[in-house]
Amino acid sequence: MSPVASSPRFGSEVRATATLALPLVLGHVSTGLIGFVDNVIAGHHGTLTLAAVTIGTALLWLPMMVPIGTLISLTASVSELNGAGRQKEIGPLFRQALWLALALGALMFAFLSLIPYALGPFGISAEIIPGATGFLHGIRWGAPALTLFFCMRYLSEGMHWTLPTMLIGFGGLVVLAPLGYVFTFGRFGVPEMGAAGLGVASALMMWGQAIAFATYLWNARRFAHLQLFARFDGPHARPIAQLLRTGLPIGVTVLMEGGLFIATALLIARLGAVPAAAHQIAINVSALCFMIPMGVAEATTVRVGHALGMGDGHAIRRAAHAGYAIVLGTQALSATALLLGHDLVVALYTRDLVVAALAGNLLLYAAAFQFPDGIQVASAGALRGLKDTRVPMWLAMFSYWGLGMPLGIGLGLGLGWGPQGMWVGLIVGLSAAAVLMASRFRHSSRGLPGPAEPAMT
C-alpha cells in the first residue's frame, strides 16, 4: 500500500469527499426519478401519451446537457476562490453566472419552441407529434428556471454544501407527482391536457425548485458573508466569457458522452422491438449505477478546486486520489451486483423471457464497463477542479465518437453482432476515455506547487 493511501490525511480526504458526494448522489437519484414519475403518469394515461413524453424528454435532455455542463464551471471557480480566501469575489461572480444561466435558459426556450417543427421531417409518427409538441411547448417555460436552479446548486456545492441539492431535488418529486396527475388527467376543474399537461407540471416544478433554492440562499446564514444578492449587477463580458471558456468544453464533453448512449439506443432500435427493449432495461440499470461515481466526481471537483485555490499541489493530488479510491470501491460493488444478480434485476422490469435473456446478457457487458466508466468520470471531475476542460473535451470526442461509436456500428450492424456489438463499442469508448482522462490529470497535476505524491497501488 502506498504512503498516500495509508496516511491519516488521505483517510480524512476520503471522508470529506464521501460526505460531499452522498447528497449529490441522492440528488442525481431524485433527478432520475423525475423521468420515472413522468413515464408512470404518461403510461397510465395512454400509449400515445407515453410515446410523446419519451420523444419530448429525449429532445429536452440531450441539448440541455450543454448549458447544465457549461454552468458547472461555477463550482470549480467558487471552490478555488474559497480555497484562496477570496470569498468577497464569489458574490460578484455568482451574479454574472446568473446572467449566463438566464441566457442559456433563453436559448433552450427558443430551441424547445422550434424543434417540434422538425418532428415530421425526423420521421416521427404523425399521431405522436401533437402530444410531443404539447409536452415540449409546456416544459419550455421551465427551461430558464432549470438553468437558474443549476447555477445556484453549483454555487452551493462550490462552497462545500451539498445538502440543498438532495432536499430540493426530492422536494421537486413531491410536487411533480400530484401536479402531473392533475394536469395530465384533468382533475379539480383543470382540463385534461395529456402530454402537454405533464410538460406544464414539469415546468411548474422547475420554477418551484428555483424559487426554493433562491429563498434558501437569500436567508441562509451560511452564505450571508458572500452577499450573493447584496446589489444588482448588470452583465459584464469578461467574467461571463471566463465562465464560458471553462464551462462550454464541459458542456460539449457531457453532450459527447450522453449522445453516445442515445445514438446507441437509436441504432439498436433498428434491430427490432426485443433488442430495443432489452437495451432500454440494461441502460436504465447502468444509468442508476452511474449516479454514484457522478456524485463522487462532482465532489472531487470541489475538493480539487479548493486545493488549487490554496496553491497546494500535494492536496490536489490527494483529493483526486481520494475520488479514485471511492469510485473504485463503489464500482466494484456495482460490477459484483450486476455479475451475480443480473437475472434478479431484469425480473423487476419484464416477464418476457426473450427480452429478459438478452437484457441479462447485456448487464454482463454493463458490469465490464463499471470500472472504466468510474475512472473516466472521476478523472473528468478532477480535471474540472483544475479548470482543465478543453483538452478533455477533445479526448472525450475521440474516445466516444472516434473509437466507441464506429466500432459499435461495425460490430453490431456491420458484422451482425447485434446489441452485444454495440455494447462492445461502449466498453471500448469508455475504456479509452478512462485511460486518456487519467493520463491527462497526471500530466496537468505534474509540476503544481507542493510535493508530489506517489500513485496509489
Protein backbone atom coordinates (compact mmCIF):
# COMPACT_ATOMS: atom_id res chain seq x y z
CA MET A 1 0.00 0.00 0.00
CA SER A 2 1.31 3.43 -0.88
CA PRO A 3 2.04 6.10 1.73
CA VAL A 4 -0.77 8.19 0.22
CA ALA A 5 -3.45 5.60 0.72
CA SER A 6 -2.30 4.73 4.24
CA SER A 7 -1.80 8.26 5.57
CA PRO A 8 -4.27 9.75 8.07
CA ARG A 9 -4.59 12.85 5.87
CA PHE A 10 -5.64 10.68 2.94
CA GLY A 11 -8.26 8.98 5.12
CA SER A 12 -9.59 12.40 6.12
CA GLU A 13 -9.75 13.39 2.44
CA VAL A 14 -11.71 10.26 1.58
CA ARG A 15 -14.20 11.02 4.36
CA ALA A 16 -14.54 14.66 3.27
CA THR A 17 -15.16 13.65 -0.35
CA ALA A 18 -17.65 10.96 0.63
CA THR A 19 -19.54 13.39 2.87
CA LEU A 20 -19.82 15.85 -0.02
CA ALA A 21 -20.73 13.16 -2.52
CA LEU A 22 -23.58 11.41 -0.68
CA PRO A 23 -26.16 14.23 -1.03
CA LEU A 24 -25.07 14.71 -4.66
CA VAL A 25 -25.64 11.04 -5.42
CA LEU A 26 -29.09 11.20 -3.84
CA GLY A 27 -29.78 14.42 -5.76
CA HIS A 28 -28.98 12.62 -9.02
CA VAL A 29 -31.26 9.78 -7.96
CA SER A 30 -34.08 12.29 -7.46
CA THR A 31 -33.44 13.66 -10.96
CA GLY A 32 -33.59 10.16 -12.39
CA LEU A 33 -36.86 9.52 -10.56
CA ILE A 34 -38.42 12.56 -12.26
CA GLY A 35 -38.26 10.64 -15.54
CA PHE A 36 -39.72 7.61 -13.78
CA VAL A 37 -42.66 9.66 -12.45
CA ASP A 38 -43.26 11.21 -15.88
CA ASN A 39 -43.28 7.79 -17.55
CA VAL A 40 -45.60 6.22 -14.97
CA ILE A 41 -48.15 9.05 -15.27
CA ALA A 42 -47.90 9.13 -19.07
CA GLY A 43 -48.11 5.35 -19.33
CA HIS A 44 -51.30 5.23 -17.29
CA HIS A 45 -52.82 7.96 -19.46
CA GLY A 46 -52.20 6.08 -22.68
CA THR A 47 -49.68 4.62 -25.10
CA LEU A 48 -49.61 7.71 -27.31
CA THR A 49 -49.01 9.92 -24.27
CA LEU A 50 -46.09 7.74 -23.17
CA ALA A 51 -44.60 7.80 -26.66
CA ALA A 52 -44.97 11.58 -26.84
CA VAL A 53 -43.32 12.10 -23.45
CA THR A 54 -40.50 9.69 -24.37
CA ILE A 55 -39.74 11.67 -27.54
CA GLY A 56 -40.12 15.01 -25.75
CA THR A 57 -37.87 14.02 -22.86
CA ALA A 58 -35.08 12.95 -25.22
CA LEU A 59 -35.34 16.24 -27.14
CA LEU A 60 -35.23 18.14 -23.83
CA TRP A 61 -32.32 16.49 -22.04
CA LEU A 62 -29.89 15.88 -24.88
CA PRO A 63 -29.42 19.60 -25.70
CA MET A 64 -29.92 20.58 -22.04
CA MET A 65 -26.67 18.75 -21.26
CA VAL A 66 -24.75 21.66 -22.80
CA PRO A 67 -26.00 24.51 -20.56
CA ILE A 68 -26.01 22.33 -17.45
CA GLY A 69 -22.44 21.18 -18.19
CA THR A 70 -21.37 24.73 -19.03
CA LEU A 71 -22.62 26.13 -15.72
CA ILE A 72 -20.67 23.55 -13.72
CA SER A 73 -17.62 25.75 -14.27
CA LEU A 74 -19.05 27.86 -11.45
CA THR A 75 -18.39 25.03 -8.99
CA ALA A 76 -14.67 24.96 -9.73
CA SER A 77 -14.38 28.76 -9.73
CA VAL A 78 -16.21 29.19 -6.42
CA SER A 79 -14.26 26.37 -4.79
CA GLU A 80 -10.96 27.87 -5.96
CA LEU A 81 -11.89 31.34 -4.66
CA ASN A 82 -12.99 29.84 -1.36
CA GLY A 83 -9.74 27.90 -1.01
CA ALA A 84 -7.73 31.03 -1.79
CA GLY A 85 -9.57 33.04 0.89
CA ARG A 86 -11.10 35.36 -1.73
CA GLN A 87 -14.72 34.98 -0.64
CA LYS A 88 -15.52 38.62 -1.49
CA GLU A 89 -15.18 37.77 -5.18
CA ILE A 90 -17.73 34.93 -5.04
CA GLY A 91 -20.85 37.13 -4.88
CA PRO A 92 -19.99 39.21 -7.97
CA LEU A 93 -19.03 36.07 -9.89
CA PHE A 94 -22.31 34.39 -8.90
CA ARG A 95 -24.35 37.34 -10.14
CA GLN A 96 -22.61 37.13 -13.51
CA ALA A 97 -23.27 33.38 -13.59
CA LEU A 98 -26.97 34.12 -13.10
CA TRP A 99 -26.92 36.24 -16.27
CA LEU A 100 -25.23 33.39 -18.11
CA ALA A 101 -27.84 30.95 -16.77
CA LEU A 102 -30.66 33.21 -17.97
CA ALA A 103 -29.10 33.49 -21.43
CA LEU A 104 -28.66 29.71 -21.68
CA GLY A 105 -32.23 29.21 -20.46
CA ALA A 106 -33.50 31.61 -23.13
CA LEU A 107 -31.62 29.64 -25.81
CA MET A 108 -33.16 26.43 -24.56
CA PHE A 109 -36.61 28.06 -24.63
CA ALA A 110 -36.06 29.00 -28.27
CA PHE A 111 -34.81 25.52 -29.14
CA LEU A 112 -37.78 23.81 -27.49
CA SER A 113 -40.13 26.20 -29.30
CA LEU A 114 -38.72 25.38 -32.73
CA ILE A 115 -37.72 21.70 -32.55
CA PRO A 116 -41.32 20.40 -32.78
CA TYR A 117 -41.41 21.64 -36.38
CA ALA A 118 -38.67 19.12 -37.17
CA LEU A 119 -40.53 16.10 -35.76
CA GLY A 120 -42.25 15.36 -39.05
CA PRO A 121 -39.05 15.51 -41.14
CA PHE A 122 -37.37 13.33 -38.48
CA GLY A 123 -39.87 10.61 -39.33
CA ILE A 124 -41.81 10.72 -36.06
CA SER A 125 -45.26 9.16 -36.43
CA ALA A 126 -47.95 11.74 -37.17
CA GLU A 127 -50.12 10.50 -34.27
CA ILE A 128 -47.30 11.16 -31.78
CA ILE A 129 -46.36 14.65 -32.98
CA PRO A 130 -49.23 16.61 -31.32
CA GLY A 131 -48.51 15.14 -27.90
CA ALA A 132 -44.74 15.59 -28.19
CA THR A 133 -45.24 19.18 -29.36
CA GLY A 134 -47.56 19.88 -26.45
CA PHE A 135 -45.08 18.41 -23.97
CA LEU A 136 -42.15 20.44 -25.37
CA HIS A 137 -44.16 23.67 -25.55
CA GLY A 138 -45.28 23.14 -21.98
CA ILE A 139 -41.91 22.29 -20.46
CA ARG A 140 -40.06 25.03 -22.35
CA TRP A 141 -41.37 27.58 -19.82
CA GLY A 142 -39.29 25.83 -17.18
CA ALA A 143 -36.00 25.98 -19.10
CA PRO A 144 -34.82 29.31 -17.56
CA ALA A 145 -35.79 28.05 -14.10
CA LEU A 146 -33.78 24.86 -14.62
CA THR A 147 -30.62 26.71 -15.65
CA LEU A 148 -31.01 29.14 -12.72
CA PHE A 149 -31.51 26.19 -10.37
CA PHE A 150 -28.28 24.55 -11.53
CA CYS A 151 -26.43 27.86 -11.21
CA MET A 152 -27.49 28.17 -7.55
CA ARG A 153 -26.82 24.49 -6.95
CA TYR A 154 -23.28 24.76 -8.30
CA LEU A 155 -22.64 27.83 -6.12
CA SER A 156 -23.71 25.90 -3.03
CA GLU A 157 -21.66 22.85 -4.00
CA GLY A 158 -18.60 25.01 -4.62
CA MET A 159 -18.92 26.16 -1.01
CA HIS A 160 -18.85 22.52 0.17
CA TRP A 161 -22.58 22.48 0.96
CA THR A 162 -24.46 19.80 -0.97
CA LEU A 163 -27.45 19.05 1.28
CA PRO A 164 -29.82 21.51 -0.53
CA THR A 165 -29.24 19.64 -3.79
CA MET A 166 -30.67 16.50 -2.25
CA LEU A 167 -33.53 18.09 -0.29
CA ILE A 168 -34.79 20.35 -3.09
CA GLY A 169 -34.36 17.54 -5.61
CA PHE A 170 -36.67 15.21 -3.68
CA GLY A 171 -38.96 18.13 -2.93
CA GLY A 172 -39.45 18.50 -6.67
CA LEU A 173 -40.65 14.90 -6.86
CA VAL A 174 -43.22 15.56 -4.13
CA VAL A 175 -44.56 18.47 -6.22
CA LEU A 176 -44.40 16.80 -9.62
CA ALA A 177 -46.37 13.64 -8.86
CA PRO A 178 -49.68 15.30 -7.89
CA LEU A 179 -49.29 18.21 -10.34
CA GLY A 180 -48.54 15.83 -13.19
CA TYR A 181 -51.56 13.72 -12.38
CA VAL A 182 -53.90 16.72 -12.17
CA PHE A 183 -52.75 18.38 -15.41
CA THR A 184 -52.43 15.14 -17.39
CA PHE A 185 -55.77 13.57 -16.47
CA GLY A 186 -57.71 16.74 -15.68
CA ARG A 187 -58.86 16.99 -12.09
CA PHE A 188 -60.24 19.67 -9.73
CA GLY A 189 -61.52 21.80 -12.60
CA VAL A 190 -58.32 21.56 -14.64
CA PRO A 191 -58.95 20.34 -18.21
CA GLU A 192 -57.37 17.08 -19.32
CA MET A 193 -54.18 18.01 -21.18
CA GLY A 194 -52.37 14.70 -21.67
CA ALA A 195 -48.66 15.03 -22.51
CA ALA A 196 -48.93 18.83 -22.66
CA GLY A 197 -50.18 18.85 -19.07
CA LEU A 198 -47.18 16.83 -17.95
CA GLY A 199 -44.94 19.38 -19.64
CA VAL A 200 -46.67 22.24 -17.81
CA ALA A 201 -46.45 20.38 -14.48
CA SER A 202 -42.72 19.79 -15.02
CA ALA A 203 -42.18 23.49 -15.78
CA LEU A 204 -44.03 24.50 -12.61
CA MET A 205 -41.88 22.07 -10.62
CA MET A 206 -38.71 23.60 -12.09
CA TRP A 207 -39.79 27.10 -11.07
CA GLY A 208 -40.68 25.80 -7.62
CA GLN A 209 -37.19 24.33 -7.23
CA ALA A 210 -35.51 27.53 -8.46
CA ILE A 211 -37.56 29.74 -6.13
CA ALA A 212 -36.91 27.41 -3.20
CA PHE A 213 -33.14 27.48 -3.78
CA ALA A 214 -33.10 31.27 -4.19
CA THR A 215 -35.10 31.67 -0.97
CA TYR A 216 -32.67 29.41 0.85
CA LEU A 217 -29.58 31.27 -0.40
CA TRP A 218 -31.21 34.61 0.48
CA ASN A 219 -31.91 33.58 4.08
CA ALA A 220 -29.17 31.08 4.99
CA ARG A 221 -26.61 32.44 7.45
CA ARG A 222 -24.10 30.02 5.93
CA PHE A 223 -23.98 32.23 2.81
CA ALA A 224 -24.61 35.65 4.38
CA HIS A 225 -20.94 36.70 4.24
CA LEU A 226 -20.90 36.17 0.46
CA GLN A 227 -23.56 38.89 -0.08
CA LEU A 228 -24.93 36.99 -3.04
CA PHE A 229 -27.91 39.31 -3.54
CA ALA A 230 -26.44 42.45 -1.97
CA ARG A 231 -26.82 44.52 -5.12
CA PHE A 232 -27.87 44.40 -8.73
CA ASP A 233 -25.05 43.91 -11.23
CA GLY A 234 -25.59 44.15 -14.96
CA PRO A 235 -23.92 41.59 -17.22
CA HIS A 236 -20.18 42.01 -17.73
CA ALA A 237 -18.49 40.36 -20.69
CA ARG A 238 -15.18 39.40 -19.07
CA PRO A 239 -16.34 37.16 -16.17
CA ILE A 240 -19.07 35.61 -18.33
CA ALA A 241 -16.50 34.88 -21.04
CA GLN A 242 -14.22 33.28 -18.45
CA LEU A 243 -17.04 31.03 -17.27
CA LEU A 244 -17.80 30.09 -20.87
CA ARG A 245 -14.15 29.36 -21.67
CA THR A 246 -14.03 26.86 -18.83
CA GLY A 247 -17.60 25.62 -18.94
CA LEU A 248 -18.52 25.28 -22.60
CA PRO A 249 -15.98 22.47 -23.21
CA ILE A 250 -17.50 20.68 -20.20
CA GLY A 251 -20.95 21.03 -21.75
CA VAL A 252 -19.70 19.62 -25.04
CA THR A 253 -17.95 16.76 -23.21
CA VAL A 254 -21.16 15.84 -21.39
CA LEU A 255 -23.03 16.03 -24.69
CA MET A 256 -20.48 13.71 -26.34
CA GLU A 257 -20.99 11.02 -23.72
CA GLY A 258 -24.76 11.43 -23.47
CA GLY A 259 -25.05 11.50 -27.24
CA LEU A 260 -23.10 8.24 -27.47
CA PHE A 261 -25.66 6.40 -25.37
CA ILE A 262 -28.65 7.99 -27.10
CA ALA A 263 -27.27 7.22 -30.57
CA THR A 264 -26.58 3.64 -29.47
CA ALA A 265 -30.19 3.27 -28.35
CA LEU A 266 -31.50 4.62 -31.66
CA LEU A 267 -29.28 2.27 -33.67
CA ILE A 268 -30.25 -0.76 -31.60
CA ALA A 269 -33.91 0.16 -32.09
CA ARG A 270 -33.39 -0.53 -35.80
CA LEU A 271 -32.77 -4.19 -34.90
CA GLY A 272 -36.29 -4.75 -33.59
CA ALA A 273 -38.51 -4.50 -30.54
CA VAL A 274 -36.78 -7.19 -28.47
CA PRO A 275 -33.25 -5.74 -28.78
CA ALA A 276 -34.62 -2.23 -28.15
CA ALA A 277 -36.49 -3.31 -25.02
CA ALA A 278 -33.55 -5.32 -23.68
CA HIS A 279 -31.16 -2.44 -24.29
CA GLN A 280 -33.51 0.00 -22.56
CA ILE A 281 -33.57 -2.18 -19.44
CA ALA A 282 -29.80 -2.62 -19.36
CA ILE A 283 -29.04 1.05 -20.00
CA ASN A 284 -31.53 2.16 -17.35
CA VAL A 285 -29.81 -0.05 -14.76
CA SER A 286 -26.41 1.24 -15.90
CA ALA A 287 -27.61 4.83 -15.57
CA LEU A 288 -28.68 4.19 -11.98
CA CYS A 289 -25.25 2.74 -11.21
CA PHE A 290 -23.57 5.76 -12.84
CA MET A 291 -25.23 8.21 -10.44
CA ILE A 292 -22.81 7.14 -7.69
CA PRO A 293 -19.50 7.89 -9.46
CA MET A 294 -21.05 11.01 -10.98
CA GLY A 295 -21.77 12.37 -7.50
CA VAL A 296 -18.26 11.44 -6.36
CA ALA A 297 -16.79 13.18 -9.41
CA GLU A 298 -18.65 16.41 -8.59
CA ALA A 299 -17.37 16.23 -5.01
CA THR A 300 -13.85 15.67 -6.38
CA THR A 301 -14.20 18.82 -8.49
CA VAL A 302 -14.95 20.79 -5.32
CA ARG A 303 -12.05 19.31 -3.35
CA VAL A 304 -9.52 19.72 -6.18
CA GLY A 305 -10.69 23.29 -6.85
CA HIS A 306 -10.35 24.16 -3.17
CA ALA A 307 -6.82 22.76 -3.08
CA LEU A 308 -5.99 24.69 -6.26
CA GLY A 309 -7.11 27.89 -4.57
CA MET A 310 -4.76 27.13 -1.68
CA GLY A 311 -1.95 26.58 -4.17
CA ASP A 312 -1.20 23.14 -2.72
CA GLY A 313 -0.31 20.56 -5.35
CA HIS A 314 0.05 17.91 -2.66
CA ALA A 315 -3.59 18.45 -1.63
CA ILE A 316 -4.72 18.50 -5.27
CA ARG A 317 -3.30 15.05 -5.91
CA ARG A 318 -4.58 13.75 -2.58
CA ALA A 319 -8.11 14.97 -3.42
CA ALA A 320 -8.03 13.27 -6.82
CA HIS A 321 -6.67 10.03 -5.36
CA ALA A 322 -9.45 10.06 -2.76
CA GLY A 323 -12.00 10.35 -5.56
CA TYR A 324 -10.39 7.45 -7.41
CA ALA A 325 -10.37 5.32 -4.25
CA ILE A 326 -14.07 5.88 -3.57
CA VAL A 327 -15.03 5.25 -7.20
CA LEU A 328 -13.03 2.03 -7.38
CA GLY A 329 -14.87 0.80 -4.29
CA THR A 330 -18.34 1.77 -5.50
CA GLN A 331 -17.74 0.38 -8.98
CA ALA A 332 -16.51 -2.91 -7.55
CA LEU A 333 -19.83 -3.21 -5.71
CA SER A 334 -21.82 -2.30 -8.84
CA ALA A 335 -19.91 -4.75 -11.03
CA THR A 336 -20.35 -7.55 -8.49
CA ALA A 337 -24.08 -6.86 -8.16
CA LEU A 338 -24.52 -6.93 -11.95
CA LEU A 339 -22.49 -10.11 -12.36
CA LEU A 340 -24.26 -12.04 -9.62
CA GLY A 341 -27.73 -10.52 -9.69
CA HIS A 342 -28.41 -9.61 -13.33
CA ASP A 343 -31.28 -12.08 -13.66
CA LEU A 344 -32.96 -10.78 -10.49
CA VAL A 345 -32.60 -7.18 -11.67
CA VAL A 346 -34.09 -7.92 -15.09
CA ALA A 347 -37.03 -9.72 -13.47
CA LEU A 348 -38.06 -6.38 -11.92
CA TYR A 349 -38.52 -4.92 -15.41
CA THR A 350 -40.11 -7.64 -17.56
CA ARG A 351 -41.68 -11.09 -17.63
CA ASP A 352 -40.91 -11.58 -21.33
CA LEU A 353 -38.39 -14.43 -21.30
CA VAL A 354 -36.79 -13.47 -24.61
CA VAL A 355 -36.29 -9.86 -23.58
CA ALA A 356 -35.11 -10.91 -20.12
CA ALA A 357 -32.48 -13.27 -21.52
CA LEU A 358 -30.98 -10.61 -23.77
CA ALA A 359 -31.17 -7.89 -21.11
CA GLY A 360 -29.45 -10.17 -18.59
CA ASN A 361 -26.68 -10.79 -21.10
CA LEU A 362 -26.25 -7.05 -21.73
CA LEU A 363 -25.95 -6.42 -18.00
CA LEU A 364 -22.82 -8.60 -18.05
CA TYR A 365 -21.37 -6.12 -20.54
CA ALA A 366 -22.51 -3.32 -18.23
CA ALA A 367 -20.56 -4.96 -15.41
CA ALA A 368 -17.47 -4.90 -17.62
CA PHE A 369 -17.56 -1.12 -18.10
CA GLN A 370 -18.21 -0.18 -14.47
CA PHE A 371 -14.52 0.41 -13.74
CA PRO A 372 -13.62 2.39 -16.88
CA ASP A 373 -16.83 4.42 -16.54
CA GLY A 374 -15.98 5.28 -12.94
CA ILE A 375 -12.38 6.16 -13.70
CA GLN A 376 -13.22 8.40 -16.65
CA VAL A 377 -15.86 10.38 -14.75
CA ALA A 378 -13.61 10.72 -11.67
CA SER A 379 -10.75 11.94 -13.88
CA ALA A 380 -13.07 14.41 -15.60
CA GLY A 381 -14.16 15.70 -12.19
CA ALA A 382 -10.56 16.21 -11.07
CA LEU A 383 -9.71 17.98 -14.33
CA ARG A 384 -12.70 20.31 -13.90
CA GLY A 385 -11.32 21.22 -10.50
CA LEU A 386 -8.12 22.30 -12.25
CA LYS A 387 -10.20 24.15 -14.89
CA ASP A 388 -8.56 21.93 -17.49
CA THR A 389 -11.51 21.37 -19.82
CA ARG A 390 -10.53 21.97 -23.45
CA VAL A 391 -8.18 19.02 -23.95
CA PRO A 392 -10.52 16.63 -22.08
CA MET A 393 -13.28 17.70 -24.49
CA TRP A 394 -11.22 16.52 -27.46
CA LEU A 395 -10.19 13.34 -25.64
CA ALA A 396 -13.87 12.56 -24.98
CA MET A 397 -14.81 13.27 -28.58
CA PHE A 398 -12.08 10.94 -29.84
CA SER A 399 -12.87 8.16 -27.35
CA TYR A 400 -16.63 8.13 -27.80
CA TRP A 401 -17.07 9.09 -31.45
CA GLY A 402 -13.67 8.26 -32.94
CA LEU A 403 -13.39 4.81 -31.34
CA GLY A 404 -16.51 3.66 -29.49
CA MET A 405 -19.26 4.52 -31.94
CA PRO A 406 -17.51 3.35 -35.17
CA LEU A 407 -16.51 0.08 -33.51
CA GLY A 408 -20.03 -0.45 -32.15
CA ILE A 409 -21.58 0.17 -35.55
CA GLY A 410 -19.04 -2.07 -37.26
CA LEU A 411 -19.55 -4.97 -34.87
CA GLY A 412 -23.24 -4.54 -34.09
CA LEU A 413 -24.60 -3.67 -37.53
CA GLY A 414 -21.78 -4.45 -39.96
CA LEU A 415 -20.76 -7.88 -38.65
CA GLY A 416 -24.19 -8.73 -37.24
CA TRP A 417 -23.24 -9.00 -33.57
CA GLY A 418 -26.42 -7.10 -32.68
CA PRO A 419 -26.75 -5.23 -29.38
CA GLN A 420 -23.73 -7.04 -27.94
CA GLY A 421 -21.56 -5.49 -30.65
CA MET A 422 -22.86 -2.02 -29.86
CA TRP A 423 -22.08 -2.59 -26.18
CA VAL A 424 -18.53 -3.67 -27.03
CA GLY A 425 -18.23 -0.25 -28.66
CA LEU A 426 -19.45 1.39 -25.45
CA ILE A 427 -16.88 -0.53 -23.40
CA VAL A 428 -14.02 0.42 -25.74
CA GLY A 429 -15.07 4.08 -25.83
CA LEU A 430 -15.34 4.35 -22.06
CA SER A 431 -12.07 2.46 -21.55
CA ALA A 432 -10.23 4.79 -23.93
CA ALA A 433 -11.71 7.80 -22.13
CA ALA A 434 -10.62 6.36 -18.77
CA VAL A 435 -7.01 5.91 -19.87
CA LEU A 436 -6.77 9.26 -21.66
CA MET A 437 -8.52 11.30 -18.94
CA ALA A 438 -6.44 9.75 -16.14
CA SER A 439 -3.27 10.40 -18.13
CA ARG A 440 -4.35 13.98 -18.72
CA PHE A 441 -4.87 14.56 -14.99
CA ARG A 442 -1.45 13.11 -14.23
CA HIS A 443 0.05 15.47 -16.81
CA SER A 444 -1.91 18.52 -15.65
CA SER A 445 -1.17 17.98 -11.96
CA ARG A 446 2.54 17.43 -12.55
CA GLY A 447 4.62 20.43 -11.62
CA LEU A 448 1.95 22.05 -9.47
CA PRO A 449 3.31 23.57 -6.23
CA GLY A 450 3.62 21.17 -3.33
CA PRO A 451 5.42 17.84 -3.00
CA ALA A 452 4.34 15.15 -5.42
CA GLU A 453 2.71 12.05 -4.02
CA PRO A 454 3.30 8.55 -5.33
CA ALA A 455 0.38 6.97 -7.14
CA MET A 456 -1.95 4.63 -5.29
CA THR A 457 -1.28 0.95 -5.51
